[in-house]
Amino acid sequence: MSKESESKTNIMTAVSLLDALAESGVQDDFEIWLSSDEEGNEFLPMPADPESSLAIDASNKRVVFFPSHR
């Protein structure tokens, strides 16, 4: 497997994100939060493992994303 193919398999897909959100009880009114700069100076992938790439803050109705910085 090439290095590029291998790295893409470790990136979250839309289907896996939707599955993770459904499993965690996220509702339609939850806000999405992401730590990032406002100018879009860097684009970072989301790790495929939801335990290292997102957090659910049910008390504040937030989904927080943690992109990979590698």
N, C-alpha and C. Protein backbone atom coordinates (compact mmCIF):
# COMPACT_ATOMS: atom_id res chain seq x y z
N MET A 1 0.85 -1.18 0.00
CA MET A 1 0.00 0.00 0.00
C MET A 1 0.89 1.24 0.00
N SER A 2 0.58 2.21 -0.86
CA SER A 2 1.39 3.42 -0.93
C SER A 2 1.17 4.27 0.31
N LYS A 3 2.12 5.16 0.55
CA LYS A 3 2.03 6.05 1.72
C LYS A 3 0.76 6.90 1.65
N GLU A 4 0.43 7.40 0.44
CA GLU A 4 -0.78 8.22 0.29
C GLU A 4 -2.03 7.41 0.56
N SER A 5 -2.10 6.18 0.03
CA SER A 5 -3.26 5.32 0.26
C SER A 5 -3.40 4.98 1.74
N GLU A 6 -2.27 4.70 2.38
CA GLU A 6 -2.28 4.36 3.79
C GLU A 6 -2.79 5.53 4.62
N SER A 7 -2.35 6.74 4.32
CA SER A 7 -2.78 7.89 5.10
C SER A 7 -4.26 8.18 4.89
N LYS A 8 -4.77 7.93 3.69
CA LYS A 8 -6.19 8.18 3.43
C LYS A 8 -7.07 7.20 4.20
N THR A 9 -6.60 6.00 4.47
CA THR A 9 -7.40 5.04 5.22
C THR A 9 -7.52 5.45 6.68
N ASN A 10 -6.65 6.33 7.15
CA ASN A 10 -6.70 6.80 8.53
C ASN A 10 -7.46 8.11 8.68
N ILE A 11 -8.12 8.55 7.60
CA ILE A 11 -8.88 9.79 7.62
C ILE A 11 -10.37 9.46 7.72
N MET A 12 -11.08 10.18 8.56
CA MET A 12 -12.51 9.95 8.76
C MET A 12 -13.29 10.22 7.47
N THR A 13 -14.28 9.40 7.23
CA THR A 13 -15.17 9.60 6.08
C THR A 13 -16.51 10.14 6.58
N ALA A 14 -17.32 10.62 5.67
CA ALA A 14 -18.64 11.15 6.03
C ALA A 14 -19.50 10.06 6.67
N VAL A 15 -19.46 8.85 6.12
CA VAL A 15 -20.26 7.75 6.67
C VAL A 15 -19.83 7.42 8.09
N SER A 16 -18.52 7.34 8.34
CA SER A 16 -18.06 7.02 9.69
C SER A 16 -18.38 8.15 10.67
N LEU A 17 -18.35 9.39 10.21
CA LEU A 17 -18.73 10.52 11.06
C LEU A 17 -20.21 10.43 11.44
N LEU A 18 -21.05 10.20 10.46
CA LEU A 18 -22.49 10.10 10.73
C LEU A 18 -22.78 8.94 11.68
N ASP A 19 -22.11 7.82 11.48
CA ASP A 19 -22.28 6.67 12.38
C ASP A 19 -21.87 7.03 13.80
N ALA A 20 -20.73 7.68 13.95
CA ALA A 20 -20.24 8.05 15.28
C ALA A 20 -21.19 9.02 15.97
N LEU A 21 -21.73 9.96 15.23
CA LEU A 21 -22.67 10.92 15.81
C LEU A 21 -23.96 10.23 16.23
N ALA A 22 -24.46 9.31 15.39
CA ALA A 22 -25.69 8.59 15.71
C ALA A 22 -25.50 7.72 16.96
N GLU A 23 -24.36 7.06 17.07
CA GLU A 23 -24.08 6.19 18.21
C GLU A 23 -23.94 6.97 19.51
N SER A 24 -23.52 8.22 19.42
CA SER A 24 -23.27 9.01 20.63
C SER A 24 -24.48 9.81 21.09
N GLY A 25 -25.59 9.72 20.37
CA GLY A 25 -26.80 10.41 20.80
C GLY A 25 -26.87 11.88 20.45
N VAL A 26 -26.06 12.33 19.51
CA VAL A 26 -26.09 13.74 19.09
C VAL A 26 -27.44 14.03 18.43
N GLN A 27 -28.02 15.15 18.82
CA GLN A 27 -29.33 15.55 18.28
C GLN A 27 -29.17 16.69 17.28
N ASP A 28 -30.24 16.98 16.57
CA ASP A 28 -30.22 17.99 15.51
C ASP A 28 -29.82 19.39 15.99
N ASP A 29 -30.04 19.70 17.26
CA ASP A 29 -29.77 21.06 17.74
C ASP A 29 -28.37 21.21 18.35
N PHE A 30 -27.52 20.20 18.27
CA PHE A 30 -26.16 20.32 18.78
C PHE A 30 -25.34 21.23 17.86
N GLU A 31 -24.51 22.06 18.46
CA GLU A 31 -23.61 22.93 17.70
C GLU A 31 -22.34 22.18 17.34
N ILE A 32 -21.70 22.60 16.25
CA ILE A 32 -20.43 22.03 15.83
C ILE A 32 -19.33 23.04 16.16
N TRP A 33 -18.31 22.57 16.88
CA TRP A 33 -17.18 23.42 17.26
C TRP A 33 -15.90 22.82 16.72
N LEU A 34 -15.02 23.69 16.24
CA LEU A 34 -13.73 23.27 15.70
C LEU A 34 -12.69 24.31 16.06
N SER A 35 -11.59 23.86 16.58
CA SER A 35 -10.49 24.75 16.86
C SER A 35 -9.70 24.98 15.58
N SER A 36 -9.68 26.23 15.09
CA SER A 36 -9.04 26.53 13.80
C SER A 36 -8.83 28.03 13.68
N ASP A 37 -7.95 28.42 12.77
CA ASP A 37 -7.85 29.86 12.54
C ASP A 37 -8.90 30.27 11.50
N GLU A 38 -9.30 31.51 11.56
CA GLU A 38 -10.41 32.00 10.73
C GLU A 38 -10.02 32.25 9.28
N GLU A 39 -8.73 32.28 8.97
CA GLU A 39 -8.29 32.60 7.62
C GLU A 39 -8.10 31.38 6.73
N GLY A 40 -8.26 30.19 7.27
CA GLY A 40 -8.09 28.98 6.48
C GLY A 40 -6.67 28.76 6.01
N ASN A 41 -5.70 29.10 6.85
CA ASN A 41 -4.30 28.97 6.48
C ASN A 41 -3.83 27.52 6.40
N GLU A 42 -4.56 26.63 7.01
CA GLU A 42 -4.14 25.23 7.02
C GLU A 42 -5.38 24.35 7.03
N PHE A 43 -5.35 23.26 6.25
CA PHE A 43 -6.43 22.29 6.21
C PHE A 43 -5.89 20.98 6.76
N LEU A 44 -6.57 20.44 7.76
CA LEU A 44 -6.08 19.26 8.46
C LEU A 44 -7.12 18.14 8.38
N PRO A 45 -6.66 16.89 8.26
CA PRO A 45 -7.59 15.76 8.22
C PRO A 45 -8.11 15.40 9.62
N MET A 46 -9.28 14.77 9.64
CA MET A 46 -9.83 14.23 10.87
C MET A 46 -9.40 12.78 10.97
N PRO A 47 -8.79 12.37 12.08
CA PRO A 47 -8.43 10.95 12.24
C PRO A 47 -9.68 10.06 12.17
N ALA A 48 -9.52 8.87 11.61
CA ALA A 48 -10.64 7.94 11.46
C ALA A 48 -11.21 7.48 12.79
N ASP A 49 -10.37 7.40 13.82
CA ASP A 49 -10.81 6.95 15.13
C ASP A 49 -11.59 8.06 15.83
N PRO A 50 -12.91 7.90 16.02
CA PRO A 50 -13.70 8.97 16.63
C PRO A 50 -13.28 9.30 18.07
N GLU A 51 -12.66 8.34 18.76
CA GLU A 51 -12.23 8.62 20.14
C GLU A 51 -11.12 9.64 20.19
N SER A 52 -10.35 9.77 19.11
CA SER A 52 -9.27 10.76 19.09
C SER A 52 -9.61 11.98 18.25
N SER A 53 -10.76 11.97 17.60
CA SER A 53 -11.06 13.07 16.68
C SER A 53 -12.31 13.87 17.02
N LEU A 54 -13.14 13.39 17.96
CA LEU A 54 -14.30 14.20 18.32
C LEU A 54 -14.70 13.94 19.76
N ALA A 55 -15.36 14.94 20.32
CA ALA A 55 -15.88 14.85 21.69
C ALA A 55 -17.31 15.34 21.68
N ILE A 56 -18.13 14.72 22.49
CA ILE A 56 -19.52 15.12 22.62
C ILE A 56 -19.69 15.77 23.99
N ASP A 57 -20.12 17.03 23.98
CA ASP A 57 -20.40 17.77 25.21
C ASP A 57 -21.92 17.91 25.29
N ALA A 58 -22.57 16.87 25.83
CA ALA A 58 -24.03 16.82 25.85
C ALA A 58 -24.65 17.93 26.69
N SER A 59 -24.00 18.32 27.79
CA SER A 59 -24.58 19.35 28.66
C SER A 59 -24.65 20.71 27.97
N ASN A 60 -23.71 20.99 27.06
CA ASN A 60 -23.74 22.25 26.31
C ASN A 60 -24.20 22.06 24.87
N LYS A 61 -24.62 20.84 24.53
CA LYS A 61 -25.10 20.49 23.19
C LYS A 61 -24.08 20.88 22.12
N ARG A 62 -22.85 20.32 22.29
CA ARG A 62 -21.77 20.63 21.35
C ARG A 62 -21.10 19.34 20.87
N VAL A 63 -20.68 19.37 19.62
CA VAL A 63 -19.79 18.36 19.07
C VAL A 63 -18.49 19.10 18.77
N VAL A 64 -17.39 18.62 19.32
CA VAL A 64 -16.10 19.28 19.14
C VAL A 64 -15.19 18.38 18.32
N PHE A 65 -14.63 18.93 17.24
CA PHE A 65 -13.75 18.18 16.36
C PHE A 65 -12.29 18.51 16.65
N PHE A 66 -11.45 17.48 16.61
CA PHE A 66 -10.02 17.61 16.83
C PHE A 66 -9.28 17.08 15.60
N PRO A 67 -8.85 17.95 14.69
CA PRO A 67 -8.13 17.50 13.52
C PRO A 67 -6.71 17.05 13.87
N SER A 68 -6.13 16.26 12.98
CA SER A 68 -4.78 15.77 13.17
C SER A 68 -3.78 16.85 12.78
N HIS A 69 -2.75 17.03 13.58
CA HIS A 69 -1.70 18.01 13.29
C HIS A 69 -0.41 17.36 12.88
N ARG A 70 -0.47 16.13 12.35
CA ARG A 70 0.73 15.44 11.90
C ARG A 70 0.94 15.62 10.44
